[in-house]
Amino acid sequence: MDNFHPTNKERRFKAYLGPLGTTQLHLRNPYVVAWWSAAFPGFGHLLLSKYIRGFSLFIWEVFVNSMSNLNHAIVFSFIGNFEMAKEVLDPRWLLLYLPVYMFAIWDSYRTTMDINKEFILAERENAEINTYSITSMEINYLDKRRPIMAVLWSLMTPGLGQLYIHRIFTAIFTMGFMIVFVYFSNALVAVHWIFLGDLNEAKEVIDPQWFLFIPSNIGFAVYDSYTNTVENNKLYESEQRKFLRKNYQHYHVKL
């Protein structure tokens, strides 16, 4: 028999299933979330399904990073040309960048700690959740999916793994910006020259300022799709277990 008071059973929910995706609470490592915010501001919040905050910080990162030439400076630093790195940096934009960058890391860590507490309380209350959503636009339902497939599709094109597990907002955003990064970095043009065996021409056409956004975008898409597939599977099993216990378990039998 459930331990929560019946008048308080819907105070917290573990998950919400709607036409545009499944949003759920689950335990997360705050250091991992903070690391993703350090890798790319906004990613930590997107992992927490804080979409408005995550999208805002993501767009801020792309805009201010580009205006300050930060990625250019990082490339020059990697090859040991520190004088050129200092030369290309625009201090007006760089000093504007730092406070928001630090906020993204701190806020994602703080929010993760809070959400972990909320999950523990929601787990104890064990409130009912909707498991099926059908509208004129979309159908969404709880079922089990394969994490490895989410990873493979994300490696092919970031965002496809999110589409596979029905995270529509993150999928559209990730795919849209992947197109932007690939286009402005000339990454596919460089790949074309690599296939032709002309590595020097490939290096000439690539734009490092935009190209450095791509690894973070791919890495996030893979990690986000994998972890959410695993957690969606856990949510499915939890709901199925609760349903079977409620409707089929005899009250004399304890599982």
Protein backbone atom coordinates (compact mmCIF):
# COMPACT_ATOMS: atom_id res chain seq x y z
CA MET A 1 0.00 0.00 0.00
CA ASP A 2 1.30 3.46 -0.85
CA ASN A 3 2.76 5.54 2.01
CA PHE A 4 1.68 9.02 0.95
CA HIS A 5 -1.42 10.84 2.17
CA PRO A 6 -4.21 10.75 -0.48
CA THR A 7 -4.80 14.52 -0.34
CA ASN A 8 -1.12 15.15 -1.19
CA LYS A 9 -0.68 12.53 -3.90
CA GLU A 10 -0.41 14.98 -6.80
CA ARG A 11 1.88 17.53 -5.24
CA ARG A 12 4.87 16.29 -7.26
CA PHE A 13 5.11 14.22 -10.42
CA LYS A 14 8.07 12.17 -11.58
CA ALA A 15 7.30 12.77 -15.23
CA TYR A 16 5.08 14.52 -17.74
CA LEU A 17 4.33 12.99 -21.11
CA GLY A 18 3.08 15.41 -23.75
CA PRO A 19 2.91 15.62 -27.56
CA LEU A 20 6.32 17.34 -27.80
CA GLY A 21 8.25 15.06 -25.49
CA THR A 22 8.63 13.32 -22.17
CA THR A 23 9.99 15.40 -19.31
CA GLN A 24 11.00 13.54 -16.17
CA LEU A 25 12.81 13.92 -12.89
CA HIS A 26 15.67 11.57 -12.13
CA LEU A 27 18.88 11.64 -10.14
CA ARG A 28 21.78 13.36 -11.90
CA ASN A 29 25.40 13.95 -11.00
CA PRO A 30 25.66 17.74 -10.44
CA TYR A 31 29.35 17.72 -11.39
CA VAL A 32 28.56 16.14 -14.78
CA VAL A 33 25.84 18.72 -15.46
CA ALA A 34 28.19 21.55 -14.42
CA TRP A 35 30.88 20.11 -16.71
CA TRP A 36 28.53 20.23 -19.68
CA SER A 37 27.76 23.86 -18.85
CA ALA A 38 31.50 24.53 -18.82
CA ALA A 39 31.91 22.74 -22.17
CA PHE A 40 29.09 24.77 -23.71
CA PRO A 41 26.81 27.08 -21.70
CA GLY A 42 23.22 25.91 -22.04
CA PHE A 43 23.93 22.20 -22.37
CA GLY A 44 23.74 21.62 -18.62
CA HIS A 45 20.31 23.23 -18.47
CA LEU A 46 19.08 21.29 -21.51
CA LEU A 47 20.06 18.07 -19.73
CA LEU A 48 17.73 19.19 -16.92
CA SER A 49 14.93 19.96 -19.44
CA LYS A 50 15.20 23.66 -18.55
CA TYR A 51 14.63 24.57 -22.17
CA ILE A 52 14.11 28.33 -22.07
CA ARG A 53 17.14 28.91 -19.87
CA GLY A 54 19.22 26.41 -21.84
CA PHE A 55 18.34 27.82 -25.26
CA SER A 56 19.01 31.37 -24.05
CA LEU A 57 22.47 30.49 -22.72
CA PHE A 58 23.26 28.46 -25.85
CA ILE A 59 22.44 31.35 -28.17
CA TRP A 60 24.39 33.72 -25.92
CA GLU A 61 27.43 31.43 -26.13
CA VAL A 62 27.33 31.22 -29.94
CA PHE A 63 26.86 34.98 -30.39
CA VAL A 64 29.36 36.31 -27.85
CA ASN A 65 31.94 33.60 -28.58
CA SER A 66 31.83 34.53 -32.26
CA MET A 67 32.07 38.26 -31.58
CA SER A 68 35.04 37.80 -29.22
CA ASN A 69 36.83 35.35 -31.57
CA LEU A 70 37.29 33.05 -28.59
CA ASN A 71 37.45 29.83 -30.63
CA HIS A 72 40.11 31.37 -32.87
CA ALA A 73 42.16 32.17 -29.79
CA ILE A 74 41.71 28.61 -28.48
CA VAL A 75 43.04 27.18 -31.75
CA PHE A 76 46.12 29.43 -31.64
CA SER A 77 46.66 28.45 -27.99
CA PHE A 78 46.58 24.74 -28.91
CA ILE A 79 49.39 25.22 -31.43
CA GLY A 80 51.44 27.33 -29.00
CA ASN A 81 50.96 30.67 -30.75
CA PHE A 82 49.94 32.66 -27.66
CA GLU A 83 50.81 36.04 -29.18
CA MET A 84 48.37 35.49 -32.04
CA ALA A 85 45.77 34.22 -29.56
CA LYS A 86 45.98 37.51 -27.66
CA GLU A 87 45.89 39.42 -30.93
CA VAL A 88 42.64 37.94 -32.23
CA LEU A 89 40.71 38.23 -28.94
CA ASP A 90 38.33 41.16 -28.61
CA PRO A 91 38.43 42.14 -24.89
CA ARG A 92 35.17 44.09 -25.12
CA TRP A 93 33.21 40.94 -25.86
CA LEU A 94 35.40 38.58 -23.82
CA LEU A 95 34.78 40.49 -20.57
CA LEU A 96 31.07 40.40 -21.34
CA TYR A 97 31.29 36.63 -21.88
CA LEU A 98 32.87 35.62 -18.56
CA PRO A 99 30.06 36.46 -16.05
CA VAL A 100 27.41 34.57 -18.03
CA TYR A 101 29.77 31.61 -18.52
CA MET A 102 30.34 31.38 -14.75
CA PHE A 103 26.61 31.77 -14.08
CA ALA A 104 25.76 28.88 -16.42
CA ILE A 105 28.08 26.53 -14.51
CA TRP A 106 26.91 27.66 -11.06
CA ASP A 107 23.21 27.68 -11.90
CA SER A 108 23.23 24.25 -13.56
CA TYR A 109 24.97 22.77 -10.50
CA ARG A 110 22.53 24.46 -8.10
CA THR A 111 19.49 23.43 -10.14
CA THR A 112 20.67 19.82 -10.33
CA MET A 113 20.94 19.64 -6.55
CA ASP A 114 17.40 21.01 -6.21
CA ILE A 115 15.93 18.68 -8.83
CA ASN A 116 17.56 15.67 -7.17
CA LYS A 117 15.76 16.60 -3.94
CA GLU A 118 12.49 17.01 -5.82
CA PHE A 119 12.94 13.59 -7.41
CA ILE A 120 13.42 11.91 -4.03
CA LEU A 121 10.19 13.50 -2.77
CA ALA A 122 8.33 12.65 -5.98
CA GLU A 123 9.55 9.05 -5.75
CA ARG A 124 8.10 8.76 -2.25
CA GLU A 125 4.77 10.26 -3.29
CA ASN A 126 4.65 8.03 -6.40
CA ALA A 127 1.91 10.07 -8.08
CA GLU A 128 0.09 8.84 -11.16
CA ILE A 129 1.48 10.00 -14.52
CA ASN A 130 0.00 10.01 -17.98
CA THR A 131 1.56 7.36 -20.19
CA TYR A 132 -0.09 8.14 -23.50
CA SER A 133 -0.61 11.41 -25.36
CA ILE A 134 -2.36 11.76 -28.70
CA THR A 135 -3.19 15.07 -30.39
CA SER A 136 -3.84 16.24 -33.93
CA MET A 137 -0.10 17.00 -34.24
CA GLU A 138 1.70 14.10 -32.58
CA ILE A 139 1.51 10.83 -30.66
CA ASN A 140 3.73 10.10 -27.68
CA TYR A 141 3.70 7.06 -25.41
CA LEU A 142 5.90 5.33 -22.88
CA ASP A 143 7.82 2.36 -24.19
CA LYS A 144 11.33 0.90 -24.10
CA ARG A 145 13.95 1.94 -26.64
CA ARG A 146 17.55 0.90 -27.27
CA PRO A 147 20.20 3.33 -25.96
CA ILE A 148 22.75 2.18 -28.54
CA MET A 149 20.42 3.21 -31.36
CA ALA A 150 20.07 6.68 -29.85
CA VAL A 151 23.87 6.96 -29.79
CA LEU A 152 24.32 5.77 -33.38
CA TRP A 153 21.70 8.16 -34.78
CA SER A 154 23.20 11.05 -32.79
CA LEU A 155 26.63 10.30 -34.26
CA MET A 156 25.20 10.34 -37.77
CA THR A 157 23.38 13.65 -37.26
CA PRO A 158 23.05 15.35 -33.86
CA GLY A 159 19.36 15.59 -33.03
CA LEU A 160 18.27 12.31 -34.60
CA GLY A 161 18.84 10.48 -31.30
CA GLN A 162 16.54 12.99 -29.61
CA LEU A 163 13.90 12.44 -32.30
CA TYR A 164 14.21 8.69 -31.67
CA ILE A 165 13.25 9.16 -28.01
CA HIS A 166 10.75 11.95 -28.76
CA ARG A 167 12.60 14.97 -27.32
CA ILE A 168 11.28 17.28 -30.00
CA PHE A 169 12.48 20.65 -28.64
CA THR A 170 16.05 19.49 -28.14
CA ALA A 171 16.08 17.64 -31.47
CA ILE A 172 14.99 20.65 -33.54
CA PHE A 173 17.37 22.98 -31.73
CA THR A 174 20.35 20.63 -31.96
CA MET A 175 19.78 19.80 -35.62
CA GLY A 176 19.18 23.45 -36.55
CA PHE A 177 22.40 24.69 -35.01
CA MET A 178 24.33 21.73 -36.40
CA ILE A 179 23.36 22.95 -39.87
CA VAL A 180 24.54 26.45 -38.95
CA PHE A 181 27.88 25.21 -37.58
CA VAL A 182 28.58 22.91 -40.53
CA TYR A 183 27.67 25.58 -43.08
CA PHE A 184 29.69 28.45 -41.65
CA SER A 185 32.68 26.25 -40.78
CA ASN A 186 32.85 24.82 -44.33
CA ALA A 187 33.22 21.40 -42.68
CA LEU A 188 31.66 19.48 -45.57
CA VAL A 189 33.79 21.37 -48.09
CA ALA A 190 36.85 20.32 -46.07
CA VAL A 191 35.61 16.71 -46.07
CA HIS A 192 35.28 16.94 -49.86
CA TRP A 193 38.93 18.01 -50.19
CA ILE A 194 40.02 15.27 -47.78
CA PHE A 195 38.33 12.66 -50.00
CA LEU A 196 40.26 14.12 -52.94
CA GLY A 197 43.49 13.75 -50.94
CA ASP A 198 44.22 17.49 -50.69
CA LEU A 199 44.74 18.05 -46.97
CA ASN A 200 46.25 21.50 -47.42
CA GLU A 201 43.17 22.77 -49.22
CA ALA A 202 40.98 21.19 -46.53
CA LYS A 203 42.87 23.15 -43.86
CA GLU A 204 42.57 26.34 -45.88
CA VAL A 205 38.79 26.24 -46.29
CA ILE A 206 37.91 25.28 -42.68
CA ASP A 207 36.83 28.10 -40.38
CA PRO A 208 38.04 27.19 -36.86
CA GLN A 209 35.77 29.75 -35.17
CA TRP A 210 32.67 27.80 -36.24
CA PHE A 211 34.26 24.36 -36.46
CA LEU A 212 35.04 24.18 -32.74
CA PHE A 213 31.31 24.34 -31.97
CA ILE A 214 30.74 21.00 -33.73
CA PRO A 215 32.50 18.53 -31.34
CA SER A 216 30.60 19.90 -28.34
CA ASN A 217 27.31 19.69 -30.23
CA ILE A 218 27.93 16.07 -31.25
CA GLY A 219 29.13 15.06 -27.79
CA PHE A 220 26.09 16.60 -26.11
CA ALA A 221 23.67 14.99 -28.57
CA VAL A 222 25.19 11.56 -27.90
CA TYR A 223 25.24 11.94 -24.11
CA ASP A 224 21.76 13.48 -23.87
CA SER A 225 20.09 10.89 -26.11
CA TYR A 226 21.80 7.98 -24.34
CA THR A 227 21.05 9.07 -20.77
CA ASN A 228 17.46 9.99 -21.55
CA THR A 229 16.85 6.70 -23.32
CA VAL A 230 18.11 4.85 -20.24
CA GLU A 231 15.96 6.98 -17.91
CA ASN A 232 12.89 6.65 -20.15
CA ASN A 233 13.30 2.87 -19.97
CA LYS A 234 13.49 3.06 -16.17
CA LEU A 235 10.35 5.21 -16.12
CA TYR A 236 8.53 2.69 -18.31
CA GLU A 237 9.49 -0.19 -16.03
CA SER A 238 8.49 1.79 -12.92
CA GLU A 239 5.06 2.68 -14.34
CA GLN A 240 4.49 -0.87 -15.60
CA ARG A 241 5.43 -2.30 -12.21
CA LYS A 242 3.06 0.09 -10.45
CA PHE A 243 0.22 -0.73 -12.87
CA LEU A 244 0.62 -4.50 -12.46
CA ARG A 245 0.85 -4.22 -8.68
CA LYS A 246 -2.28 -2.06 -8.51
CA ASN A 247 -4.46 -4.06 -10.90
CA TYR A 248 -3.23 -7.65 -10.71
CA GLN A 249 -1.45 -8.29 -7.43
CA HIS A 250 -3.64 -9.99 -4.84
CA TYR A 251 -3.61 -8.08 -1.56
CA HIS A 252 -2.41 -11.21 0.30
CA VAL A 253 0.64 -11.55 -1.95
CA LYS A 254 3.67 -9.35 -1.32
CA LEU A 255 6.11 -8.82 -4.16
